[in-house]
C-alpha atoms as a PDB file:
ATOM      1  CA  MET A   1      -6.417  51.726 -49.905  1.00  0.00           C
ATOM      2  CA  ILE A   2      -3.282  53.267 -48.447  1.00  0.00           C
ATOM      3  CA  SER A   3      -0.077  51.460 -47.510  1.00  0.00           C
ATOM      4  CA  PRO A   4       1.071  51.473 -43.846  1.00  0.00           C
ATOM      5  CA  PRO A   5       4.127  53.713 -44.480  1.00  0.00           C
ATOM      6  CA  GLN A   6       2.004  56.242 -46.373  1.00  0.00           C
ATOM      7  CA  PHE A   7      -0.655  56.213 -43.659  1.00  0.00           C
ATOM      8  CA  SER A   8       2.062  56.810 -41.071  1.00  0.00           C
ATOM      9  CA  PHE A   9       3.320  59.801 -43.037  1.00  0.00           C
ATOM     10  CA  VAL A  10      -0.181  61.346 -43.202  1.00  0.00           C
ATOM     11  CA  ARG A  11      -0.572  60.853 -39.449  1.00  0.00           C
ATOM     12  CA  SER A  12       2.774  62.537 -38.788  1.00  0.00           C
ATOM     13  CA  LEU A  13       2.034  65.431 -41.133  1.00  0.00           C
ATOM     14  CA  LEU A  14      -1.346  66.008 -39.517  1.00  0.00           C
ATOM     15  CA  LYS A  15       0.162  65.988 -36.026  1.00  0.00           C
ATOM     16  CA  GLN A  16       3.044  68.257 -37.026  1.00  0.00           C
ATOM     17  CA  LYS A  17       0.953  70.872 -38.828  1.00  0.00           C
ATOM     18  CA  THR A  18      -2.288  70.883 -36.813  1.00  0.00           C
ATOM     19  CA  GLY A  19      -1.701  69.008 -33.557  1.00  0.00           C
ATOM     20  CA  VAL A  20      -4.550  66.619 -34.422  1.00  0.00           C
ATOM     21  CA  VAL A  21      -3.898  62.988 -33.506  1.00  0.00           C
ATOM     22  CA  ILE A  22      -5.396  59.969 -35.268  1.00  0.00           C
ATOM     23  CA  ASP A  23      -4.728  56.384 -34.219  1.00  0.00           C
ATOM     24  CA  ASP A  24      -4.065  53.200 -36.178  1.00  0.00           C
ATOM     25  CA  SER A  25      -7.764  52.415 -36.439  1.00  0.00           C
ATOM     26  CA  LYS A  26      -8.449  55.493 -38.582  1.00  0.00           C
ATOM     27  CA  VAL A  27      -7.104  54.164 -41.892  1.00  0.00           C
ATOM     28  CA  TYR A  28     -10.675  54.179 -43.231  1.00  0.00           C
ATOM     29  CA  LEU A  29     -11.017  57.862 -42.285  1.00  0.00           C
ATOM     30  CA  VAL A  30      -7.881  58.863 -44.190  1.00  0.00           C
ATOM     31  CA  VAL A  31      -9.032  56.922 -47.238  1.00  0.00           C
ATOM     32  CA  ALA A  32     -12.556  58.392 -47.135  1.00  0.00           C
ATOM     33  CA  ARG A  33     -11.373  61.989 -46.762  1.00  0.00           C
ATOM     34  CA  LEU A  34      -8.481  61.941 -49.213  1.00  0.00           C
ATOM     35  CA  MET A  35      -9.938  59.895 -52.071  1.00  0.00           C
ATOM     36  CA  PRO A  36     -12.039  62.869 -53.306  1.00  0.00           C
ATOM     37  CA  ILE A  37      -8.749  64.789 -53.743  1.00  0.00           C
ATOM     38  CA  VAL A  38      -7.268  61.835 -55.634  1.00  0.00           C
ATOM     39  CA  ARG A  39     -10.241  61.812 -58.009  1.00  0.00           C
ATOM     40  CA  GLN A  40     -10.432  65.591 -58.369  1.00  0.00           C
ATOM     41  CA  ARG A  41      -6.744  65.918 -59.221  1.00  0.00           C
ATOM     42  CA  LYS A  42      -6.742  62.703 -61.291  1.00  0.00           C
ATOM     43  CA  ILE A  43      -3.881  61.231 -59.265  1.00  0.00           C
ATOM     44  CA  PRO A  44      -3.317  57.511 -59.974  1.00  0.00           C
ATOM     45  CA  SER A  45      -3.710  56.371 -56.359  1.00  0.00           C
ATOM     46  CA  LEU A  46      -3.784  57.467 -52.743  1.00  0.00           C
ATOM     47  CA  ASP A  47      -0.200  56.318 -52.300  1.00  0.00           C
ATOM     48  CA  SER A  48       0.764  58.529 -55.254  1.00  0.00           C
ATOM     49  CA  LEU A  49      -0.909  61.478 -53.553  1.00  0.00           C
ATOM     50  CA  VAL A  50       1.168  60.856 -50.432  1.00  0.00           C
ATOM     51  CA  ASP A  51       4.318  60.646 -52.575  1.00  0.00           C
ATOM     52  CA  ARG A  52       3.556  64.178 -53.781  1.00  0.00           C
ATOM     53  CA  LEU A  53       3.065  65.276 -50.166  1.00  0.00           C
ATOM     54  CA  ARG A  54       6.431  63.810 -49.256  1.00  0.00           C
ATOM     55  CA  ALA A  55       8.089  65.782 -52.045  1.00  0.00           C
ATOM     56  CA  GLY A  56       6.916  68.952 -50.302  1.00  0.00           C
ATOM     57  CA  SER A  57       6.743  71.051 -53.452  1.00  0.00           C
ATOM     58  CA  ASP A  58       2.951  71.350 -53.717  1.00  0.00           C
ATOM     59  CA  GLN A  59       1.792  73.538 -50.829  1.00  0.00           C
ATOM     60  CA  THR A  60      -1.707  73.760 -52.271  1.00  0.00           C
ATOM     61  CA  LEU A  61      -2.015  69.968 -52.121  1.00  0.00           C
ATOM     62  CA  GLN A  62      -0.804  69.945 -48.528  1.00  0.00           C
ATOM     63  CA  ARG A  63      -3.356  72.605 -47.601  1.00  0.00           C
ATOM     64  CA  ASP A  64      -6.153  70.651 -49.300  1.00  0.00           C
ATOM     65  CA  VAL A  65      -5.151  67.456 -47.507  1.00  0.00           C
ATOM     66  CA  LEU A  66      -5.035  69.137 -44.105  1.00  0.00           C
ATOM     67  CA  ASN A  67      -8.387  70.813 -44.726  1.00  0.00           C
ATOM     68  CA  ALA A  68      -9.897  67.471 -45.739  1.00  0.00           C
ATOM     69  CA  MET A  69      -8.633  65.791 -42.577  1.00  0.00           C
ATOM     70  CA  MET A  70     -10.285  68.280 -40.230  1.00  0.00           C
ATOM     71  CA  THR A  71     -13.558  67.316 -38.538  1.00  0.00           C
ATOM     72  CA  HIS A  72     -16.253  69.946 -39.068  1.00  0.00           C
ATOM     73  CA  GLU A  73     -19.197  68.535 -37.119  1.00  0.00           C
ATOM     74  CA  THR A  74     -21.276  71.394 -35.721  1.00  0.00           C
ATOM     75  CA  SER A  75     -24.814  72.749 -35.539  1.00  0.00           C
ATOM     76  CA  PHE A  76     -26.723  75.822 -34.434  1.00  0.00           C
ATOM     77  CA  PHE A  77     -27.055  76.089 -30.624  1.00  0.00           C
ATOM     78  CA  ARG A  78     -25.264  72.771 -30.255  1.00  0.00           C
ATOM     79  CA  ASP A  79     -26.063  71.056 -26.913  1.00  0.00           C
ATOM     80  CA  ARG A  80     -28.240  74.026 -25.870  1.00  0.00           C
ATOM     81  CA  SER A  81     -26.982  74.264 -22.262  1.00  0.00           C
ATOM     82  CA  PRO A  82     -23.838  76.325 -23.008  1.00  0.00           C
ATOM     83  CA  PHE A  83     -26.002  78.921 -24.721  1.00  0.00           C
ATOM     84  CA  ALA A  84     -28.479  78.942 -21.819  1.00  0.00           C
ATOM     85  CA  THR A  85     -25.504  79.513 -19.521  1.00  0.00           C
ATOM     86  CA  LEU A  86     -24.186  82.252 -21.791  1.00  0.00           C
ATOM     87  CA  GLN A  87     -27.577  83.966 -21.692  1.00  0.00           C
ATOM     88  CA  LYS A  88     -27.335  83.948 -17.899  1.00  0.00           C
ATOM     89  CA  LEU A  89     -23.737  85.214 -17.842  1.00  0.00           C
ATOM     90  CA  ILE A  90     -24.185  88.173 -20.199  1.00  0.00           C
ATOM     91  CA  PRO A  91     -26.215  90.353 -17.754  1.00  0.00           C
ATOM     92  CA  GLU A  92     -23.483  89.849 -15.132  1.00  0.00           C
ATOM     93  CA  LEU A  93     -20.806  90.829 -17.627  1.00  0.00           C
ATOM     94  CA  VAL A  94     -22.813  93.864 -18.704  1.00  0.00           C
ATOM     95  CA  LYS A  95     -22.739  95.144 -15.118  1.00  0.00           C
ATOM     96  CA  GLN A  96     -19.015  94.505 -14.835  1.00  0.00           C
ATOM     97  CA  ARG A  97     -18.222  96.164 -18.178  1.00  0.00           C
ATOM     98  CA  ALA A  98     -20.483  99.195 -17.742  1.00  0.00           C
ATOM     99  CA  ALA A  99     -17.510 101.568 -17.830  1.00  0.00           C
ATOM    100  CA  THR A 100     -16.103 100.338 -21.156  1.00  0.00           C
ATOM    101  CA  LYS A 101     -19.334  99.154 -22.809  1.00  0.00           C
ATOM    102  CA  GLN A 102     -17.452  96.402 -24.628  1.00  0.00           C
ATOM    103  CA  LEU A 103     -17.884  92.641 -24.759  1.00  0.00           C
ATOM    104  CA  CYS A 104     -15.719  90.228 -26.712  1.00  0.00           C
ATOM    105  CA  PHE A 105     -16.507  86.594 -27.477  1.00  0.00           C
ATOM    106  CA  TRP A 106     -14.272  84.012 -29.163  1.00  0.00           C
ATOM    107  CA  SER A 107     -15.489  80.924 -30.991  1.00  0.00           C
ATOM    108  CA  ALA A 108     -12.254  78.933 -31.346  1.00  0.00           C
ATOM    109  CA  ALA A 109     -12.233  76.280 -34.092  1.00  0.00           C
ATOM    110  CA  CYS A 110     -15.584  77.606 -35.307  1.00  0.00           C
ATOM    111  CA  SER A 111     -15.932  75.135 -38.191  1.00  0.00           C
ATOM    112  CA  SER A 112     -18.592  76.263 -40.684  1.00  0.00           C
ATOM    113  CA  GLY A 113     -19.840  79.094 -38.490  1.00  0.00           C
ATOM    114  CA  GLN A 114     -22.971  77.845 -36.770  1.00  0.00           C
ATOM    115  CA  GLU A 115     -21.525  78.462 -33.303  1.00  0.00           C
ATOM    116  CA  PRO A 116     -20.538  82.143 -33.707  1.00  0.00           C
ATOM    117  CA  TYR A 117     -23.743  82.880 -35.588  1.00  0.00           C
ATOM    118  CA  SER A 118     -25.682  81.232 -32.738  1.00  0.00           C
ATOM    119  CA  ILE A 119     -24.018  83.662 -30.322  1.00  0.00           C
ATOM    120  CA  ALA A 120     -24.963  86.544 -32.639  1.00  0.00           C
ATOM    121  CA  ILE A 121     -28.572  85.309 -32.793  1.00  0.00           C
ATOM    122  CA  LEU A 122     -28.699  85.011 -28.997  1.00  0.00           C
ATOM    123  CA  PHE A 123     -27.440  88.567 -28.643  1.00  0.00           C
ATOM    124  CA  ASN A 124     -29.964  89.938 -31.110  1.00  0.00           C
ATOM    125  CA  GLU A 125     -32.766  87.957 -29.519  1.00  0.00           C
ATOM    126  CA  TYR A 126     -32.180  88.811 -25.858  1.00  0.00           C
ATOM    127  CA  PHE A 127     -29.805  91.791 -25.659  1.00  0.00           C
ATOM    128  CA  ARG A 128     -30.637  93.827 -28.742  1.00  0.00           C
ATOM    129  CA  ASP A 129     -30.870  97.048 -26.715  1.00  0.00           C
ATOM    130  CA  LEU A 130     -27.104  96.922 -26.109  1.00  0.00           C
ATOM    131  CA  LEU A 131     -26.178  96.827 -29.776  1.00  0.00           C
ATOM    132  CA  SER A 132     -26.672 100.543 -30.390  1.00  0.00           C
ATOM    133  CA  THR A 133     -24.448 101.709 -27.525  1.00  0.00           C
ATOM    134  CA  TRP A 134     -22.024  98.840 -26.849  1.00  0.00           C
ATOM    135  CA  ARG A 135     -19.206  97.378 -28.908  1.00  0.00           C
ATOM    136  CA  ILE A 136     -19.966  93.675 -29.282  1.00  0.00           C
ATOM    137  CA  ARG A 137     -17.317  91.528 -30.996  1.00  0.00           C
ATOM    138  CA  ILE A 138     -17.595  87.856 -31.839  1.00  0.00           C
ATOM    139  CA  ILE A 139     -14.246  86.596 -33.111  1.00  0.00           C
ATOM    140  CA  ALA A 140     -14.461  83.254 -34.889  1.00  0.00           C
ATOM    141  CA  THR A 141     -11.336  81.348 -35.879  1.00  0.00           C
ATOM    142  CA  ASP A 142     -10.543  78.123 -37.670  1.00  0.00           C
ATOM    143  CA  ILE A 143      -7.551  76.461 -39.294  1.00  0.00           C
ATOM    144  CA  SER A 144      -9.405  75.666 -42.517  1.00  0.00           C
ATOM    145  CA  ASP A 145      -9.681  78.264 -45.275  1.00  0.00           C
ATOM    146  CA  VAL A 146     -12.427  76.159 -46.846  1.00  0.00           C
ATOM    147  CA  VAL A 147     -14.779  76.380 -43.872  1.00  0.00           C
ATOM    148  CA  LEU A 148     -13.900  80.038 -43.272  1.00  0.00           C
ATOM    149  CA  ASP A 149     -15.090  80.790 -46.802  1.00  0.00           C
ATOM    150  CA  ARG A 150     -18.337  79.034 -45.902  1.00  0.00           C
ATOM    151  CA  CYS A 151     -18.584  81.071 -42.706  1.00  0.00           C
ATOM    152  CA  ARG A 152     -18.200  84.340 -44.548  1.00  0.00           C
ATOM    153  CA  ALA A 153     -20.753  83.276 -47.152  1.00  0.00           C
ATOM    154  CA  GLY A 154     -23.204  82.704 -44.292  1.00  0.00           C
ATOM    155  CA  THR A 155     -25.492  80.393 -46.251  1.00  0.00           C
ATOM    156  CA  TYR A 156     -26.745  77.048 -44.973  1.00  0.00           C
ATOM    157  CA  SER A 157     -28.755  74.159 -46.321  1.00  0.00           C
ATOM    158  CA  GLU A 158     -32.240  73.217 -45.174  1.00  0.00           C
ATOM    159  CA  LEU A 159     -30.803  70.323 -43.168  1.00  0.00           C
ATOM    160  CA  GLU A 160     -28.246  72.560 -41.457  1.00  0.00           C
ATOM    161  CA  VAL A 161     -30.755  75.183 -40.326  1.00  0.00           C
ATOM    162  CA  LEU A 162     -33.180  72.517 -39.106  1.00  0.00           C
ATOM    163  CA  ARG A 163     -30.450  71.238 -36.795  1.00  0.00           C
ATOM    164  CA  GLY A 164     -30.823  73.589 -33.851  1.00  0.00           C
ATOM    165  CA  LEU A 165     -32.977  76.453 -35.115  1.00  0.00           C
ATOM    166  CA  SER A 166     -36.631  76.879 -34.240  1.00  0.00           C
ATOM    167  CA  PRO A 167     -38.992  78.025 -37.001  1.00  0.00           C
ATOM    168  CA  ASN A 168     -39.223  81.375 -35.227  1.00  0.00           C
ATOM    169  CA  LEU A 169     -35.450  81.960 -35.172  1.00  0.00           C
ATOM    170  CA  LEU A 170     -35.119  80.793 -38.753  1.00  0.00           C
ATOM    171  CA  LYS A 171     -37.753  83.268 -39.883  1.00  0.00           C
ATOM    172  CA  LYS A 172     -36.275  86.164 -37.893  1.00  0.00           C
ATOM    173  CA  TYR A 173     -32.584  85.766 -38.698  1.00  0.00           C
ATOM    174  CA  PHE A 174     -32.401  84.068 -42.110  1.00  0.00           C
ATOM    175  CA  THR A 175     -33.729  84.708 -45.572  1.00  0.00           C
ATOM    176  CA  PRO A 176     -34.244  82.135 -48.349  1.00  0.00           C
ATOM    177  CA  LEU A 177     -31.575  82.315 -51.036  1.00  0.00           C
ATOM    178  CA  GLN A 178     -31.474  79.957 -54.024  1.00  0.00           C
ATOM    179  CA  GLY A 179     -32.563  76.894 -52.092  1.00  0.00           C
ATOM    180  CA  GLN A 180     -30.505  77.764 -49.036  1.00  0.00           C
ATOM    181  CA  TRP A 181     -30.813  80.068 -46.037  1.00  0.00           C
ATOM    182  CA  SER A 182     -28.723  83.228 -45.635  1.00  0.00           C
ATOM    183  CA  VAL A 183     -27.810  84.724 -42.239  1.00  0.00           C
ATOM    184  CA  SER A 184     -29.205  88.209 -41.658  1.00  0.00           C
ATOM    185  CA  GLN A 185     -26.980  91.261 -41.823  1.00  0.00           C
ATOM    186  CA  GLU A 186     -27.728  92.117 -38.193  1.00  0.00           C
ATOM    187  CA  CYS A 187     -26.007  88.866 -37.169  1.00  0.00           C
ATOM    188  CA  ARG A 188     -23.238  88.982 -39.771  1.00  0.00           C
ATOM    189  CA  LYS A 189     -21.999  92.389 -38.666  1.00  0.00           C
ATOM    190  CA  LEU A 190     -21.234  91.079 -35.160  1.00  0.00           C
ATOM    191  CA  VAL A 191     -18.919  88.287 -36.330  1.00  0.00           C
ATOM    192  CA  GLU A 192     -15.369  88.576 -37.666  1.00  0.00           C
ATOM    193  CA  PHE A 193     -13.701  85.482 -39.100  1.00  0.00           C
ATOM    194  CA  ARG A 194      -9.962  84.805 -38.973  1.00  0.00           C
ATOM    195  CA  ARG A 195      -7.674  81.939 -39.866  1.00  0.00           C
ATOM    196  CA  MET A 196      -5.881  80.590 -36.816  1.00  0.00           C
ATOM    197  CA  ASN A 197      -4.040  77.386 -35.986  1.00  0.00           C
ATOM    198  CA  LEU A 198      -4.389  76.666 -32.265  1.00  0.00           C
ATOM    199  CA  HIS A 199      -1.379  74.346 -32.459  1.00  0.00           C
ATOM    200  CA  GLU A 200       1.004  77.072 -33.639  1.00  0.00           C
ATOM    201  CA  ALA A 201       2.104  80.348 -32.057  1.00  0.00           C
ATOM    202  CA  TRP A 202      -0.963  82.539 -31.663  1.00  0.00           C
ATOM    203  CA  PRO A 203      -1.323  85.947 -33.286  1.00  0.00           C
ATOM    204  CA  MET A 204      -2.202  88.910 -31.133  1.00  0.00           C
ATOM    205  CA  MET A 205      -5.636  88.430 -29.612  1.00  0.00           C
ATOM    206  CA  PRO A 206      -7.701  90.908 -27.594  1.00  0.00           C
ATOM    207  CA  PHE A 207      -8.697  89.998 -24.049  1.00  0.00           C
ATOM    208  CA  VAL A 208     -11.976  88.106 -24.292  1.00  0.00           C
ATOM    209  CA  ASP A 209     -14.898  87.712 -21.928  1.00  0.00           C
ATOM    210  CA  ILE A 210     -16.200  84.367 -23.177  1.00  0.00           C
ATOM    211  CA  VAL A 211     -14.405  81.611 -25.101  1.00  0.00           C
ATOM    212  CA  PHE A 212     -16.155  78.673 -26.727  1.00  0.00           C
ATOM    213  CA  LEU A 213     -13.482  75.988 -27.185  1.00  0.00           C
ATOM    214  CA  ARG A 214     -16.021  73.225 -27.501  1.00  0.00           C
ATOM    215  CA  ASN A 215     -15.368  69.720 -28.870  1.00  0.00           C
ATOM    216  CA  VAL A 216     -11.858  70.732 -29.937  1.00  0.00           C
ATOM    217  CA  LEU A 217      -9.394  69.468 -27.327  1.00  0.00           C
ATOM    218  CA  LEU A 218     -10.504  65.857 -27.788  1.00  0.00           C
ATOM    219  CA  TYR A 219      -8.659  65.768 -31.135  1.00  0.00           C
ATOM    220  CA  PHE A 220      -5.281  66.621 -29.539  1.00  0.00           C
ATOM    221  CA  ASP A 221      -2.842  64.705 -27.360  1.00  0.00           C
ATOM    222  CA  LEU A 222      -2.368  65.719 -23.711  1.00  0.00           C
ATOM    223  CA  PRO A 223       0.673  67.999 -24.207  1.00  0.00           C
ATOM    224  CA  THR A 224      -1.120  69.919 -26.979  1.00  0.00           C
ATOM    225  CA  ARG A 225      -4.261  70.245 -24.860  1.00  0.00           C
ATOM    226  CA  ALA A 226      -2.199  71.567 -21.952  1.00  0.00           C
ATOM    227  CA  SER A 227      -0.418  74.066 -24.195  1.00  0.00           C
ATOM    228  CA  ILE A 228      -3.692  75.426 -25.603  1.00  0.00           C
ATOM    229  CA  ILE A 229      -5.304  75.711 -22.175  1.00  0.00           C
ATOM    230  CA  GLN A 230      -2.230  77.503 -20.838  1.00  0.00           C
ATOM    231  CA  LYS A 231      -2.314  80.010 -23.684  1.00  0.00           C
ATOM    232  CA  MET A 232      -6.012  80.600 -23.027  1.00  0.00           C
ATOM    233  CA  ARG A 233      -5.083  82.041 -19.624  1.00  0.00           C
ATOM    234  CA  ARG A 234      -3.376  84.914 -21.416  1.00  0.00           C
ATOM    235  CA  VAL A 235      -6.563  85.700 -23.324  1.00  0.00           C
ATOM    236  CA  VAL A 236      -9.539  85.025 -21.024  1.00  0.00           C
ATOM    237  CA  LYS A 237     -10.288  87.857 -18.618  1.00  0.00           C
ATOM    238  CA  PRO A 238     -10.054  86.948 -14.895  1.00  0.00           C
ATOM    239  CA  ASP A 239     -13.843  87.137 -14.514  1.00  0.00           C
ATOM    240  CA  GLY A 240     -14.523  85.609 -17.927  1.00  0.00           C
ATOM    241  CA  ALA A 241     -15.541  82.085 -18.893  1.00  0.00           C
ATOM    242  CA  LEU A 242     -14.085  79.265 -20.955  1.00  0.00           C
ATOM    243  CA  PHE A 243     -16.500  76.627 -22.272  1.00  0.00           C
ATOM    244  CA  LEU A 244     -15.309  73.155 -23.267  1.00  0.00           C
ATOM    245  CA  GLY A 245     -17.321  70.372 -24.898  1.00  0.00           C
ATOM    246  CA  GLY A 246     -19.580  68.151 -22.813  1.00  0.00           C
ATOM    247  CA  ALA A 247     -17.115  65.237 -23.014  1.00  0.00           C
ATOM    248  CA  GLU A 248     -14.043  67.394 -22.331  1.00  0.00           C
ATOM    249  CA  THR A 249     -12.404  68.255 -19.029  1.00  0.00           C
ATOM    250  CA  MET A 250      -9.344  69.960 -17.573  1.00  0.00           C
ATOM    251  CA  LEU A 251      -8.852  67.126 -15.090  1.00  0.00           C
ATOM    252  CA  GLY A 252      -5.256  65.975 -15.320  1.00  0.00           C
ATOM    253  CA  ILE A 253      -4.429  68.742 -17.813  1.00  0.00           C
ATOM    254  CA  ASP A 254      -4.490  72.066 -15.961  1.00  0.00           C
ATOM    255  CA  ASP A 255      -5.335  72.984 -12.370  1.00  0.00           C
ATOM    256  CA  THR A 256      -5.176  76.769 -12.754  1.00  0.00           C
ATOM    257  CA  TYR A 257      -8.877  77.126 -13.585  1.00  0.00           C
ATOM    258  CA  GLN A 258     -11.897  76.760 -11.354  1.00  0.00           C
ATOM    259  CA  ARG A 259     -14.891  74.776 -12.611  1.00  0.00           C
ATOM    260  CA  ILE A 260     -18.195  76.599 -12.214  1.00  0.00           C
ATOM    261  CA  ALA A 261     -21.676  75.135 -12.601  1.00  0.00           C
ATOM    262  CA  GLY A 262     -23.841  76.707 -15.286  1.00  0.00           C
ATOM    263  CA  VAL A 263     -27.285  75.877 -16.646  1.00  0.00           C
ATOM    264  CA  GLY A 264     -27.000  72.174 -17.362  1.00  0.00           C
ATOM    265  CA  CYS A 265     -23.252  72.409 -18.000  1.00  0.00           C
ATOM    266  CA  SER A 266     -20.036  73.764 -16.504  1.00  0.00           C
ATOM    267  CA  TYR A 267     -17.542  76.387 -17.559  1.00  0.00           C
ATOM    268  CA  TYR A 268     -14.058  77.349 -16.397  1.00  0.00           C
ATOM    269  CA  ARG A 269     -12.638  80.568 -15.000  1.00  0.00           C
ATOM    270  CA  PRO A 270      -8.956  81.327 -14.381  1.00  0.00           C
ATOM    271  CA  LYS A 271      -8.005  81.080 -10.721  1.00  0.00           C
ATOM    272  CA  LEU A 272      -6.686  84.328  -9.266  1.00  0.00           C
END
């Protein structure tokens, strides 16, 4: 177990460094996610681990703790409807970007990479003819170095590929590799992975046509959500689209976007 003062410190550290908020009922979550670090490092107890965090001298420990506390739930083509909407939006964007022949997508808080690779698969499946003459960029960011390493490796377990991929897509865009499945080079080359903390000052980002910020805001408090949404306005093109998760909304957070109906879901576009 973890003592109340130590739990409070972990909560504060998580909020300060990542913006993620956990409530008093999540003691079990902290214990479950940090005990593997206690065992791996052979630390006497969870409270002792927090004592080392308080000392502030072990930045590697702090990084490992923050990585462990992140939620990485994701799957290929998660919820389906945003990708059906994206498939409908791309031809419109192609017409609007005919002069530059460039499209840029951003998967923000991409976790272990299934979302950006799903976008790459969709592009190869339905818009392959553009790839030889257009510059297509899929930028994928996350706060966790651990999951970014997984993204770059591009290998997934049998269970992971069965969550969201049809047998046809699996056969076309993955190859078996030592009991796992490896993403094809034609999809890998479209995606660039970067470390980014949405809670901190953002590095320079290109203007993007489509942002997937799905199932991310729900982990933040209202001021942090508002700050992130406001910064998105500086990145999303005026005729672009911002996708949130199915349970997320801008209601009561930001009124400078218009909500537009898609295929079984909605997306947001900056108001002019």
